Amino acid sequence: MERKTVSLVNERGERRGYIDFLREYDKPQLKELWFMWSLCNLECTHCYVGSNPKNNILQMITLSDAEPFLKEARSFEVEDIYFTGGEPFANKELPNLITESIKIARVTILTNGLGPIEKNIDFIDQTNREFPEKLTLRISLDHFIPEEHDKIRGSGSFQKTVKNANELLKRGVKVIITATPVMFDNSLETYDAAVERFQKLFISDVEVKLIPFTLQMGSELSRKPQHYPEMFITERHMRSANPVDFQCYYGRTVQKINNVMRVYPCPIIYNDDQYELGVSLKDSFERIYLAHHGCYWFCFKNRGKCGNKSNGSA
């Protein structure tokens, strides 16, 4: 597959840093598999994918699209399967995708917790009972103050999201609340204080995952001017880095673009052929040169985690 290449040497002659895929006994060990599409019921001003009700650049993935990757993932001993967007529940095939995925790994759905999820709460409840401790809902909130949250997601969205999250908690479904430091733009709250404010919104204990927001992509480009300079990760940087801090060390993301299923290093990078790794998982476990701006600012500098693990954890 012919694709663009990235520069491997900077203006000072330093070589770009890279990641080799995790292997044990010379076999790739796939810890995380992500499926991603861009359609969403919202149009948030900071969405790095630029998702909205008309954005279908990353097309909906069907069960037949996913089945070859699920079969491969099983052979590579996948541990966690994630569905993200966009809004995963905008895809009517999501229940079928969950049903097949949860047979082989833990499943997490990253959702805004609004309208589309309401039609699926009984299905989520049933699946959680059938596969205990294998299903997680990651629900995003943009602030612990309703008015601040609704500035981004629309009037009344805070109340509906919290209501739906509490309904899932009442049914025993594991919920993680995800927020980005967009909320800190006009806030003096510390990290720990912000987590506590979020936790008080819910009827039972929830984990709160605050994600470093450094992605100058999608809708964020029009929300504020560029504020993070481009940084070149070198081999020198990587001598002090832990490979596990990079999503591409142990995971892969699958996207459907122009009716072709394509493999990418992580869910931050999308629809850019210089980062495509092929059309199967088997062909994607190659060396990754850390060329995207998110590699430095999200993974290396801030130790951001796309998965459920907290920032800074292995």
C-alpha atoms as a PDB file:
ATOM      1  CA  MET A   1       0.000   0.000   0.000  1.00  0.00           C
ATOM      2  CA  GLU A   2       1.625   3.251  -1.132  1.00  0.00           C
ATOM      3  CA  ARG A   3       1.378   6.152   1.299  1.00  0.00           C
ATOM      4  CA  LYS A   4       3.091   9.379   2.245  1.00  0.00           C
ATOM      5  CA  THR A   5       6.159   9.252   4.471  1.00  0.00           C
ATOM      6  CA  VAL A   6       7.119  11.477   7.393  1.00  0.00           C
ATOM      7  CA  SER A   7      10.396  13.320   7.891  1.00  0.00           C
ATOM      8  CA  LEU A   8      12.774  11.206   9.983  1.00  0.00           C
ATOM      9  CA  VAL A   9      15.407  13.902  10.649  1.00  0.00           C
ATOM     10  CA  ASN A  10      14.855  17.448  11.973  1.00  0.00           C
ATOM     11  CA  GLU A  11      16.745  20.629  11.096  1.00  0.00           C
ATOM     12  CA  ARG A  12      19.384  19.829  13.758  1.00  0.00           C
ATOM     13  CA  GLY A  13      20.038  16.394  12.307  1.00  0.00           C
ATOM     14  CA  GLU A  14      18.294  14.556  15.171  1.00  0.00           C
ATOM     15  CA  ARG A  15      16.501  11.345  14.265  1.00  0.00           C
ATOM     16  CA  ARG A  16      12.791  10.984  15.019  1.00  0.00           C
ATOM     17  CA  GLY A  17      11.751   8.794  17.925  1.00  0.00           C
ATOM     18  CA  TYR A  18       9.851   5.598  17.243  1.00  0.00           C
ATOM     19  CA  ILE A  19       7.863   2.817  18.888  1.00  0.00           C
ATOM     20  CA  ASP A  20       8.043  -0.889  18.081  1.00  0.00           C
ATOM     21  CA  PHE A  21       4.865  -2.833  18.808  1.00  0.00           C
ATOM     22  CA  LEU A  22       4.601  -4.823  22.030  1.00  0.00           C
ATOM     23  CA  ARG A  23       5.693  -8.441  21.580  1.00  0.00           C
ATOM     24  CA  GLU A  24       5.954 -11.474  23.805  1.00  0.00           C
ATOM     25  CA  TYR A  25       7.718 -14.609  22.571  1.00  0.00           C
ATOM     26  CA  ASP A  26       8.034 -12.779  19.239  1.00  0.00           C
ATOM     27  CA  LYS A  27       4.258 -12.505  18.883  1.00  0.00           C
ATOM     28  CA  PRO A  28       2.388  -9.153  18.829  1.00  0.00           C
ATOM     29  CA  GLN A  29       0.353  -8.607  22.006  1.00  0.00           C
ATOM     30  CA  LEU A  30      -2.688  -6.488  21.136  1.00  0.00           C
ATOM     31  CA  LYS A  31      -3.993  -4.978  24.370  1.00  0.00           C
ATOM     32  CA  GLU A  32      -6.535  -2.555  22.876  1.00  0.00           C
ATOM     33  CA  LEU A  33      -8.580  -2.485  19.672  1.00  0.00           C
ATOM     34  CA  TRP A  34     -10.595   0.636  18.848  1.00  0.00           C
ATOM     35  CA  PHE A  35     -13.430   1.126  16.342  1.00  0.00           C
ATOM     36  CA  MET A  36     -14.168   4.728  15.418  1.00  0.00           C
ATOM     37  CA  TRP A  37     -16.673   6.751  13.333  1.00  0.00           C
ATOM     38  CA  SER A  38     -17.393  10.468  13.113  1.00  0.00           C
ATOM     39  CA  LEU A  39     -21.190  10.898  13.034  1.00  0.00           C
ATOM     40  CA  CYS A  40     -22.576  12.499  16.202  1.00  0.00           C
ATOM     41  CA  ASN A  41     -25.800  13.984  17.520  1.00  0.00           C
ATOM     42  CA  LEU A  42     -23.836  16.974  18.897  1.00  0.00           C
ATOM     43  CA  GLU A  43     -21.460  19.579  17.467  1.00  0.00           C
ATOM     44  CA  CYS A  44     -19.167  20.459  20.374  1.00  0.00           C
ATOM     45  CA  THR A  45     -16.825  23.416  19.934  1.00  0.00           C
ATOM     46  CA  HIS A  46     -13.733  21.510  21.120  1.00  0.00           C
ATOM     47  CA  CYS A  47     -14.264  18.156  19.354  1.00  0.00           C
ATOM     48  CA  TYR A  48     -10.918  17.067  17.895  1.00  0.00           C
ATOM     49  CA  VAL A  49     -12.723  14.960  15.272  1.00  0.00           C
ATOM     50  CA  GLY A  50     -15.033  17.846  14.297  1.00  0.00           C
ATOM     51  CA  SER A  51     -17.970  15.471  14.728  1.00  0.00           C
ATOM     52  CA  ASN A  52     -21.520  16.614  14.007  1.00  0.00           C
ATOM     53  CA  PRO A  53     -24.806  15.187  12.660  1.00  0.00           C
ATOM     54  CA  LYS A  54     -23.523  15.396   9.071  1.00  0.00           C
ATOM     55  CA  ASN A  55     -19.889  14.346   9.465  1.00  0.00           C
ATOM     56  CA  ASN A  56     -19.499  10.908   7.900  1.00  0.00           C
ATOM     57  CA  ILE A  57     -15.820  11.144   6.924  1.00  0.00           C
ATOM     58  CA  LEU A  58     -15.220   8.155   9.161  1.00  0.00           C
ATOM     59  CA  GLN A  59     -18.106   6.000   8.023  1.00  0.00           C
ATOM     60  CA  MET A  60     -20.297   3.808  10.191  1.00  0.00           C
ATOM     61  CA  ILE A  61     -18.789   0.367  10.794  1.00  0.00           C
ATOM     62  CA  THR A  62     -21.076  -2.633  10.405  1.00  0.00           C
ATOM     63  CA  LEU A  63     -20.743  -6.012  12.045  1.00  0.00           C
ATOM     64  CA  SER A  64     -19.618  -7.549   8.752  1.00  0.00           C
ATOM     65  CA  ASP A  65     -16.939  -4.814   8.512  1.00  0.00           C
ATOM     66  CA  ALA A  66     -15.723  -5.551  12.024  1.00  0.00           C
ATOM     67  CA  GLU A  67     -15.807  -9.357  12.018  1.00  0.00           C
ATOM     68  CA  PRO A  68     -12.416  -9.922  10.325  1.00  0.00           C
ATOM     69  CA  PHE A  69     -10.756  -7.574  12.826  1.00  0.00           C
ATOM     70  CA  LEU A  70     -12.481  -9.212  15.778  1.00  0.00           C
ATOM     71  CA  LYS A  71     -11.273 -12.595  14.564  1.00  0.00           C
ATOM     72  CA  GLU A  72      -7.731 -11.259  14.226  1.00  0.00           C
ATOM     73  CA  ALA A  73      -7.927  -9.510  17.594  1.00  0.00           C
ATOM     74  CA  ARG A  74      -8.883 -12.748  19.304  1.00  0.00           C
ATOM     75  CA  SER A  75      -5.816 -14.445  17.802  1.00  0.00           C
ATOM     76  CA  PHE A  76      -3.625 -11.633  19.151  1.00  0.00           C
ATOM     77  CA  GLU A  77      -5.167 -12.004  22.627  1.00  0.00           C
ATOM     78  CA  VAL A  78      -6.867  -8.601  22.725  1.00  0.00           C
ATOM     79  CA  GLU A  79      -7.876  -7.479  26.225  1.00  0.00           C
ATOM     80  CA  ASP A  80     -10.064  -4.407  25.618  1.00  0.00           C
ATOM     81  CA  ILE A  81     -12.258  -3.270  22.724  1.00  0.00           C
ATOM     82  CA  TYR A  82     -13.385   0.353  22.538  1.00  0.00           C
ATOM     83  CA  PHE A  83     -16.060   2.098  20.472  1.00  0.00           C
ATOM     84  CA  THR A  84     -15.647   5.838  20.010  1.00  0.00           C
ATOM     85  CA  GLY A  85     -16.729   8.651  17.721  1.00  0.00           C
ATOM     86  CA  GLY A  86     -18.481  10.776  17.091  1.00  0.00           C
ATOM     87  CA  GLU A  87     -21.220   9.146  19.105  1.00  0.00           C
ATOM     88  CA  PRO A  88     -21.045   5.337  19.091  1.00  0.00           C
ATOM     89  CA  PHE A  89     -24.786   4.975  19.754  1.00  0.00           C
ATOM     90  CA  ALA A  90     -25.528   6.919  16.561  1.00  0.00           C
ATOM     91  CA  ASN A  91     -24.645   3.649  14.827  1.00  0.00           C
ATOM     92  CA  LYS A  92     -27.673   1.332  14.841  1.00  0.00           C
ATOM     93  CA  GLU A  93     -25.314  -1.643  14.513  1.00  0.00           C
ATOM     94  CA  LEU A  94     -23.579  -0.867  17.803  1.00  0.00           C
ATOM     95  CA  PRO A  95     -25.582  -3.429  19.843  1.00  0.00           C
ATOM     96  CA  ASN A  96     -24.539  -6.181  17.415  1.00  0.00           C
ATOM     97  CA  LEU A  97     -20.936  -4.993  17.558  1.00  0.00           C
ATOM     98  CA  ILE A  98     -20.994  -5.013  21.358  1.00  0.00           C
ATOM     99  CA  THR A  99     -22.589  -8.463  21.488  1.00  0.00           C
ATOM    100  CA  GLU A 100     -19.826 -10.010  19.382  1.00  0.00           C
ATOM    101  CA  SER A 101     -16.955  -8.012  20.901  1.00  0.00           C
ATOM    102  CA  ILE A 102     -17.779  -8.766  24.519  1.00  0.00           C
ATOM    103  CA  LYS A 103     -17.413 -12.486  23.831  1.00  0.00           C
ATOM    104  CA  ILE A 104     -13.672 -11.999  23.354  1.00  0.00           C
ATOM    105  CA  ALA A 105     -12.685  -8.974  25.485  1.00  0.00           C
ATOM    106  CA  ARG A 106     -13.818  -6.253  27.848  1.00  0.00           C
ATOM    107  CA  VAL A 107     -15.843  -3.575  26.027  1.00  0.00           C
ATOM    108  CA  THR A 108     -15.954   0.188  26.603  1.00  0.00           C
ATOM    109  CA  ILE A 109     -18.229   2.677  24.836  1.00  0.00           C
ATOM    110  CA  LEU A 110     -17.222   6.357  24.817  1.00  0.00           C
ATOM    111  CA  THR A 111     -20.507   8.292  24.691  1.00  0.00           C
ATOM    112  CA  ASN A 112     -21.950  11.736  25.376  1.00  0.00           C
ATOM    113  CA  GLY A 113     -24.715  10.032  27.337  1.00  0.00           C
ATOM    114  CA  LEU A 114     -27.538  11.847  25.578  1.00  0.00           C
ATOM    115  CA  GLY A 115     -30.441  10.905  23.267  1.00  0.00           C
ATOM    116  CA  PRO A 116     -29.078   7.879  21.374  1.00  0.00           C
ATOM    117  CA  ILE A 117     -28.079   6.067  24.552  1.00  0.00           C
ATOM    118  CA  GLU A 118     -31.583   6.278  26.041  1.00  0.00           C
ATOM    119  CA  LYS A 119     -32.933   3.800  23.478  1.00  0.00           C
ATOM    120  CA  ASN A 120     -30.241   1.320  24.493  1.00  0.00           C
ATOM    121  CA  ILE A 121     -30.286   1.415  28.297  1.00  0.00           C
ATOM    122  CA  ASP A 122     -32.223  -1.861  28.572  1.00  0.00           C
ATOM    123  CA  PHE A 123     -29.794  -3.523  26.149  1.00  0.00           C
ATOM    124  CA  ILE A 124     -26.828  -2.204  28.169  1.00  0.00           C
ATOM    125  CA  ASP A 125     -28.426  -3.481  31.378  1.00  0.00           C
ATOM    126  CA  GLN A 126     -29.056  -6.932  29.898  1.00  0.00           C
ATOM    127  CA  THR A 127     -25.555  -7.197  28.448  1.00  0.00           C
ATOM    128  CA  ASN A 128     -23.991  -6.130  31.729  1.00  0.00           C
ATOM    129  CA  ARG A 129     -25.932  -8.830  33.582  1.00  0.00           C
ATOM    130  CA  GLU A 130     -24.946 -11.476  31.053  1.00  0.00           C
ATOM    131  CA  PHE A 131     -21.275 -10.443  31.025  1.00  0.00           C
ATOM    132  CA  PRO A 132     -20.539  -9.048  34.494  1.00  0.00           C
ATOM    133  CA  GLU A 133     -17.505  -6.776  34.851  1.00  0.00           C
ATOM    134  CA  LYS A 134     -16.888  -6.738  31.097  1.00  0.00           C
ATOM    135  CA  LEU A 135     -18.841  -3.617  30.066  1.00  0.00           C
ATOM    136  CA  THR A 136     -17.961   0.028  30.779  1.00  0.00           C
ATOM    137  CA  LEU A 137     -19.659   3.239  29.700  1.00  0.00           C
ATOM    138  CA  ARG A 138     -17.355   6.251  29.484  1.00  0.00           C
ATOM    139  CA  ILE A 139     -19.602   9.290  29.597  1.00  0.00           C
ATOM    140  CA  SER A 140     -18.232  12.736  28.825  1.00  0.00           C
ATOM    141  CA  LEU A 141     -19.074  15.921  30.700  1.00  0.00           C
ATOM    142  CA  ASP A 142     -17.483  19.271  30.008  1.00  0.00           C
ATOM    143  CA  HIS A 143     -18.009  20.833  33.425  1.00  0.00           C
ATOM    144  CA  PHE A 144     -19.434  20.081  36.857  1.00  0.00           C
ATOM    145  CA  ILE A 145     -21.442  23.335  36.648  1.00  0.00           C
ATOM    146  CA  PRO A 146     -24.532  22.891  34.431  1.00  0.00           C
ATOM    147  CA  GLU A 147     -24.374  26.327  32.804  1.00  0.00           C
ATOM    148  CA  GLU A 148     -20.704  25.931  31.862  1.00  0.00           C
ATOM    149  CA  HIS A 149     -21.285  22.464  30.421  1.00  0.00           C
ATOM    150  CA  ASP A 150     -24.336  23.550  28.420  1.00  0.00           C
ATOM    151  CA  LYS A 151     -22.368  26.354  26.747  1.00  0.00           C
ATOM    152  CA  ILE A 152     -20.552  23.605  24.860  1.00  0.00           C
ATOM    153  CA  ARG A 153     -23.185  20.886  24.479  1.00  0.00           C
ATOM    154  CA  GLY A 154     -26.491  22.744  24.409  1.00  0.00           C
ATOM    155  CA  SER A 155     -29.185  23.813  26.853  1.00  0.00           C
ATOM    156  CA  GLY A 156     -30.389  21.040  29.121  1.00  0.00           C
ATOM    157  CA  SER A 157     -27.680  18.577  28.064  1.00  0.00           C
ATOM    158  CA  PHE A 158     -26.014  18.521  31.488  1.00  0.00           C
ATOM    159  CA  GLN A 159     -29.168  17.477  33.301  1.00  0.00           C
ATOM    160  CA  LYS A 160     -29.986  14.757  30.756  1.00  0.00           C
ATOM    161  CA  THR A 161     -26.449  13.346  30.784  1.00  0.00           C
ATOM    162  CA  VAL A 162     -26.275  13.137  34.573  1.00  0.00           C
ATOM    163  CA  LYS A 163     -29.767  11.561  34.656  1.00  0.00           C
ATOM    164  CA  ASN A 164     -28.787   8.862  32.155  1.00  0.00           C
ATOM    165  CA  ALA A 165     -25.486   8.173  33.925  1.00  0.00           C
ATOM    166  CA  ASN A 166     -27.303   7.756  37.241  1.00  0.00           C
ATOM    167  CA  GLU A 167     -29.806   5.395  35.628  1.00  0.00           C
ATOM    168  CA  LEU A 168     -26.936   3.201  34.440  1.00  0.00           C
ATOM    169  CA  LEU A 169     -25.308   3.329  37.876  1.00  0.00           C
ATOM    170  CA  LYS A 170     -28.601   2.346  39.486  1.00  0.00           C
ATOM    171  CA  ARG A 171     -28.612  -0.755  37.265  1.00  0.00           C
ATOM    172  CA  GLY A 172     -25.077  -1.669  38.289  1.00  0.00           C
ATOM    173  CA  VAL A 173     -23.324  -0.646  35.061  1.00  0.00           C
ATOM    174  CA  LYS A 174     -19.758   0.586  35.426  1.00  0.00           C
ATOM    175  CA  VAL A 175     -19.525   4.274  34.497  1.00  0.00           C
ATOM    176  CA  ILE A 176     -16.405   6.399  34.038  1.00  0.00           C
ATOM    177  CA  ILE A 177     -16.855  10.153  33.704  1.00  0.00           C
ATOM    178  CA  THR A 178     -14.456  11.752  31.234  1.00  0.00           C
ATOM    179  CA  ALA A 179     -13.657  15.467  31.097  1.00  0.00           C
ATOM    180  CA  THR A 180     -10.988  17.564  29.416  1.00  0.00           C
ATOM    181  CA  PRO A 181      -9.286  20.684  30.805  1.00  0.00           C
ATOM    182  CA  VAL A 182     -11.475  22.757  28.492  1.00  0.00           C
ATOM    183  CA  MET A 183     -13.376  23.162  31.745  1.00  0.00           C
ATOM    184  CA  PHE A 184     -10.367  24.870  33.323  1.00  0.00           C
ATOM    185  CA  ASP A 185     -10.406  27.742  30.827  1.00  0.00           C
ATOM    186  CA  ASN A 186     -12.388  29.869  33.273  1.00  0.00           C
ATOM    187  CA  SER A 187     -11.908  27.901  36.482  1.00  0.00           C
ATOM    188  CA  LEU A 188      -9.500  28.043  39.389  1.00  0.00           C
ATOM    189  CA  GLU A 189     -10.297  24.506  40.516  1.00  0.00           C
ATOM    190  CA  THR A 190      -7.402  22.163  41.235  1.00  0.00           C
ATOM    191  CA  TYR A 191      -7.323  18.717  39.643  1.00  0.00           C
ATOM    192  CA  ASP A 192      -8.392  16.931  42.832  1.00  0.00           C
ATOM    193  CA  ALA A 193     -11.090  19.473  43.635  1.00  0.00           C
ATOM    194  CA  ALA A 194     -12.514  19.152  40.121  1.00  0.00           C
ATOM    195  CA  VAL A 195     -12.661  15.360  40.436  1.00  0.00           C
ATOM    196  CA  GLU A 196     -14.515  15.690  43.741  1.00  0.00           C
ATOM    197  CA  ARG A 197     -17.032  18.126  42.233  1.00  0.00           C
ATOM    198  CA  PHE A 198     -17.769  15.662  39.426  1.00  0.00           C
ATOM    199  CA  GLN A 199     -18.145  12.721  41.794  1.00  0.00           C
ATOM    200  CA  LYS A 200     -20.769  14.532  43.871  1.00  0.00           C
ATOM    201  CA  LEU A 201     -23.119  14.561  40.866  1.00  0.00           C
ATOM    202  CA  PHE A 202     -23.749  10.818  40.953  1.00  0.00           C
ATOM    203  CA  ILE A 203     -25.655   8.377  43.141  1.00  0.00           C
ATOM    204  CA  SER A 204     -22.677   6.056  43.613  1.00  0.00           C
ATOM    205  CA  ASP A 205     -18.915   6.108  43.225  1.00  0.00           C
ATOM    206  CA  VAL A 206     -17.627   6.805  39.748  1.00  0.00           C
ATOM    207  CA  GLU A 207     -14.117   7.091  38.433  1.00  0.00           C
ATOM    208  CA  VAL A 208     -13.362  10.499  36.909  1.00  0.00           C
ATOM    209  CA  LYS A 209     -10.808  10.614  34.115  1.00  0.00           C
ATOM    210  CA  LEU A 210      -9.438  14.064  33.272  1.00  0.00           C
ATOM    211  CA  ILE A 211      -7.751  13.996  29.877  1.00  0.00           C
ATOM    212  CA  PRO A 212      -5.004  16.453  28.874  1.00  0.00           C
ATOM    213  CA  PHE A 213      -6.462  18.541  26.068  1.00  0.00           C
ATOM    214  CA  THR A 214      -3.655  19.388  23.673  1.00  0.00           C
ATOM    215  CA  LEU A 215      -5.165  18.341  20.345  1.00  0.00           C
ATOM    216  CA  GLN A 216      -5.187  21.152  17.816  1.00  0.00           C
ATOM    217  CA  MET A 217      -7.576  19.430  15.464  1.00  0.00           C
ATOM    218  CA  GLY A 218     -11.166  19.508  14.270  1.00  0.00           C
ATOM    219  CA  SER A 219     -13.486  22.046  15.885  1.00  0.00           C
ATOM    220  CA  GLU A 220     -10.795  23.147  18.337  1.00  0.00           C
ATOM    221  CA  LEU A 221      -8.998  24.954  15.491  1.00  0.00           C
ATOM    222  CA  SER A 222     -11.856  27.443  15.185  1.00  0.00           C
ATOM    223  CA  ARG A 223     -12.444  27.691  18.949  1.00  0.00           C
ATOM    224  CA  LYS A 224      -9.046  29.196  19.702  1.00  0.00           C
ATOM    225  CA  PRO A 225      -5.850  29.989  17.799  1.00  0.00           C
ATOM    226  CA  GLN A 226      -2.969  27.537  17.759  1.00  0.00           C
ATOM    227  CA  HIS A 227      -1.209  27.560  21.122  1.00  0.00           C
ATOM    228  CA  TYR A 228       1.027  24.474  21.129  1.00  0.00           C
ATOM    229  CA  PRO A 229       4.134  24.623  18.892  1.00  0.00           C
ATOM    230  CA  GLU A 230       4.934  21.641  16.719  1.00  0.00           C
ATOM    231  CA  MET A 231       7.430  19.393  18.496  1.00  0.00           C
ATOM    232  CA  PHE A 232       9.662  16.718  16.998  1.00  0.00           C
ATOM    233  CA  ILE A 233      10.102  13.655  19.244  1.00  0.00           C
ATOM    234  CA  THR A 234      13.685  12.468  18.862  1.00  0.00           C
ATOM    235  CA  GLU A 235      15.489   9.256  19.718  1.00  0.00           C
ATOM    236  CA  ARG A 236      16.987  11.246  22.604  1.00  0.00           C
ATOM    237  CA  HIS A 237      13.496  11.903  24.015  1.00  0.00           C
ATOM    238  CA  MET A 238      12.641   8.231  23.787  1.00  0.00           C
ATOM    239  CA  ARG A 239      15.622   7.161  25.867  1.00  0.00           C
ATOM    240  CA  SER A 240      13.831   8.655  28.891  1.00  0.00           C
ATOM    241  CA  ALA A 241      10.299   7.624  27.847  1.00  0.00           C
ATOM    242  CA  ASN A 242       8.291   4.558  28.769  1.00  0.00           C
ATOM    243  CA  PRO A 243       6.821   2.854  25.661  1.00  0.00           C
ATOM    244  CA  VAL A 244       3.614   2.082  27.579  1.00  0.00           C
ATOM    245  CA  ASP A 245       2.857   5.844  27.594  1.00  0.00           C
ATOM    246  CA  PHE A 246       2.135   5.594  23.862  1.00  0.00           C
ATOM    247  CA  GLN A 247      -1.144   4.130  22.617  1.00  0.00           C
ATOM    248  CA  CYS A 248       0.557   2.805  19.484  1.00  0.00           C
ATOM    249  CA  TYR A 249       2.781   0.507  21.585  1.00  0.00           C
ATOM    250  CA  TYR A 250      -0.070  -1.855  22.418  1.00  0.00           C
ATOM    251  CA  GLY A 251      -3.171  -0.764  20.477  1.00  0.00           C
ATOM    252  CA  ARG A 252      -4.637  -0.184  17.050  1.00  0.00           C
ATOM    253  CA  THR A 253      -7.654   1.747  15.746  1.00  0.00           C
ATOM    254  CA  VAL A 254      -9.891   0.758  12.838  1.00  0.00           C
ATOM    255  CA  GLN A 255     -11.707   3.325  10.692  1.00  0.00           C
ATOM    256  CA  LYS A 256     -13.831   3.041   7.553  1.00  0.00           C
ATOM    257  CA  ILE A 257     -12.918   5.645   4.936  1.00  0.00           C
ATOM    258  CA  ASN A 258     -14.302   5.660   1.386  1.00  0.00           C
ATOM    259  CA  ASN A 259     -15.775   2.209   2.050  1.00  0.00           C
ATOM    260  CA  VAL A 260     -12.400   0.695   2.961  1.00  0.00           C
ATOM    261  CA  MET A 261     -11.525  -0.516   6.462  1.00  0.00           C
ATOM    262  CA  ARG A 262      -8.168   0.955   7.468  1.00  0.00           C
ATOM    263  CA  VAL A 263      -5.884   0.510  10.474  1.00  0.00           C
ATOM    264  CA  TYR A 264      -4.386   3.515  12.299  1.00  0.00           C
ATOM    265  CA  PRO A 265      -1.985   3.719  15.257  1.00  0.00           C
ATOM    266  CA  CYS A 266      -4.464   5.315  17.681  1.00  0.00           C
ATOM    267  CA  PRO A 267      -7.880   7.039  17.918  1.00  0.00           C
ATOM    268  CA  ILE A 268      -6.315  10.519  17.915  1.00  0.00           C
ATOM    269  CA  ILE A 269      -5.100  10.154  14.324  1.00  0.00           C
ATOM    270  CA  TYR A 270      -7.703   9.799  11.600  1.00  0.00           C
ATOM    271  CA  ASN A 271      -8.230  10.159   7.842  1.00  0.00           C
ATOM    272  CA  ASP A 272      -4.563  10.929   7.071  1.00  0.00           C
ATOM    273  CA  ASP A 273      -2.925   8.439   4.765  1.00  0.00           C
ATOM    274  CA  GLN A 274       0.618   9.132   5.970  1.00  0.00           C
ATOM    275  CA  TYR A 275      -0.354   7.359   9.206  1.00  0.00           C
ATOM    276  CA  GLU A 276      -2.294   4.439   7.731  1.00  0.00           C
ATOM    277  CA  LEU A 277      -0.843   1.037   8.609  1.00  0.00           C
ATOM    278  CA  GLY A 278      -2.721  -1.207   6.200  1.00  0.00           C
ATOM    279  CA  VAL A 279      -6.071  -2.958   5.995  1.00  0.00           C
ATOM    280  CA  SER A 280      -5.534  -5.732   8.541  1.00  0.00           C
ATOM    281  CA  LEU A 281      -4.190  -5.946  12.067  1.00  0.00           C
ATOM    282  CA  LYS A 282      -1.575  -8.509  11.024  1.00  0.00           C
ATOM    283  CA  ASP A 283       0.011  -6.015   8.640  1.00  0.00           C
ATOM    284  CA  SER A 284      -0.087  -3.102  11.104  1.00  0.00           C
ATOM    285  CA  PHE A 285       2.342  -4.232  13.823  1.00  0.00           C
ATOM    286  CA  GLU A 286       5.256  -2.300  12.467  1.00  0.00           C
ATOM    287  CA  ARG A 287       7.519   0.439  13.784  1.00  0.00           C
ATOM    288  CA  ILE A 288       5.716   3.734  14.330  1.00  0.00           C
ATOM    289  CA  TYR A 289       7.613   6.994  13.885  1.00  0.00           C
ATOM    290  CA  LEU A 290       6.140   9.555  16.289  1.00  0.00           C
ATOM    291  CA  ALA A 291       5.361  12.310  13.799  1.00  0.00           C
ATOM    292  CA  HIS A 292       1.925  13.567  14.852  1.00  0.00           C
ATOM    293  CA  HIS A 293       1.725  16.608  17.173  1.00  0.00           C
ATOM    294  CA  GLY A 294      -0.380  14.529  19.565  1.00  0.00           C
ATOM    295  CA  CYS A 295       2.551  12.122  19.981  1.00  0.00           C
ATOM    296  CA  TYR A 296       4.530  14.836  21.776  1.00  0.00           C
ATOM    297  CA  TRP A 297       1.880  16.899  23.545  1.00  0.00           C
ATOM    298  CA  PHE A 298      -0.671  14.226  24.473  1.00  0.00           C
ATOM    299  CA  CYS A 299       1.396  11.063  24.947  1.00  0.00           C
ATOM    300  CA  PHE A 300       4.977  12.126  25.690  1.00  0.00           C
ATOM    301  CA  LYS A 301       4.600  15.456  27.491  1.00  0.00           C
ATOM    302  CA  ASN A 302       1.317  14.878  29.367  1.00  0.00           C
ATOM    303  CA  ARG A 303       1.238  11.060  29.463  1.00  0.00           C
ATOM    304  CA  GLY A 304      -2.341  11.074  28.236  1.00  0.00           C
ATOM    305  CA  LYS A 305      -4.201   7.783  28.019  1.00  0.00           C
ATOM    306  CA  CYS A 306      -6.849   7.060  25.399  1.00  0.00           C
ATOM    307  CA  GLY A 307      -7.980   3.953  27.253  1.00  0.00           C
ATOM    308  CA  ASN A 308      -9.557   3.629  30.671  1.00  0.00           C
ATOM    309  CA  LYS A 309      -6.318   3.714  32.603  1.00  0.00           C
ATOM    310  CA  SER A 310      -5.627   6.981  34.406  1.00  0.00           C
ATOM    311  CA  ASN A 311      -3.009   9.385  33.073  1.00  0.00           C
ATOM    312  CA  GLY A 312       0.444   8.311  34.110  1.00  0.00           C
ATOM    313  CA  SER A 313      -0.524   4.683  34.774  1.00  0.00           C
ATOM    314  CA  ALA A 314       0.774   1.670  32.919  1.00  0.00           C
END
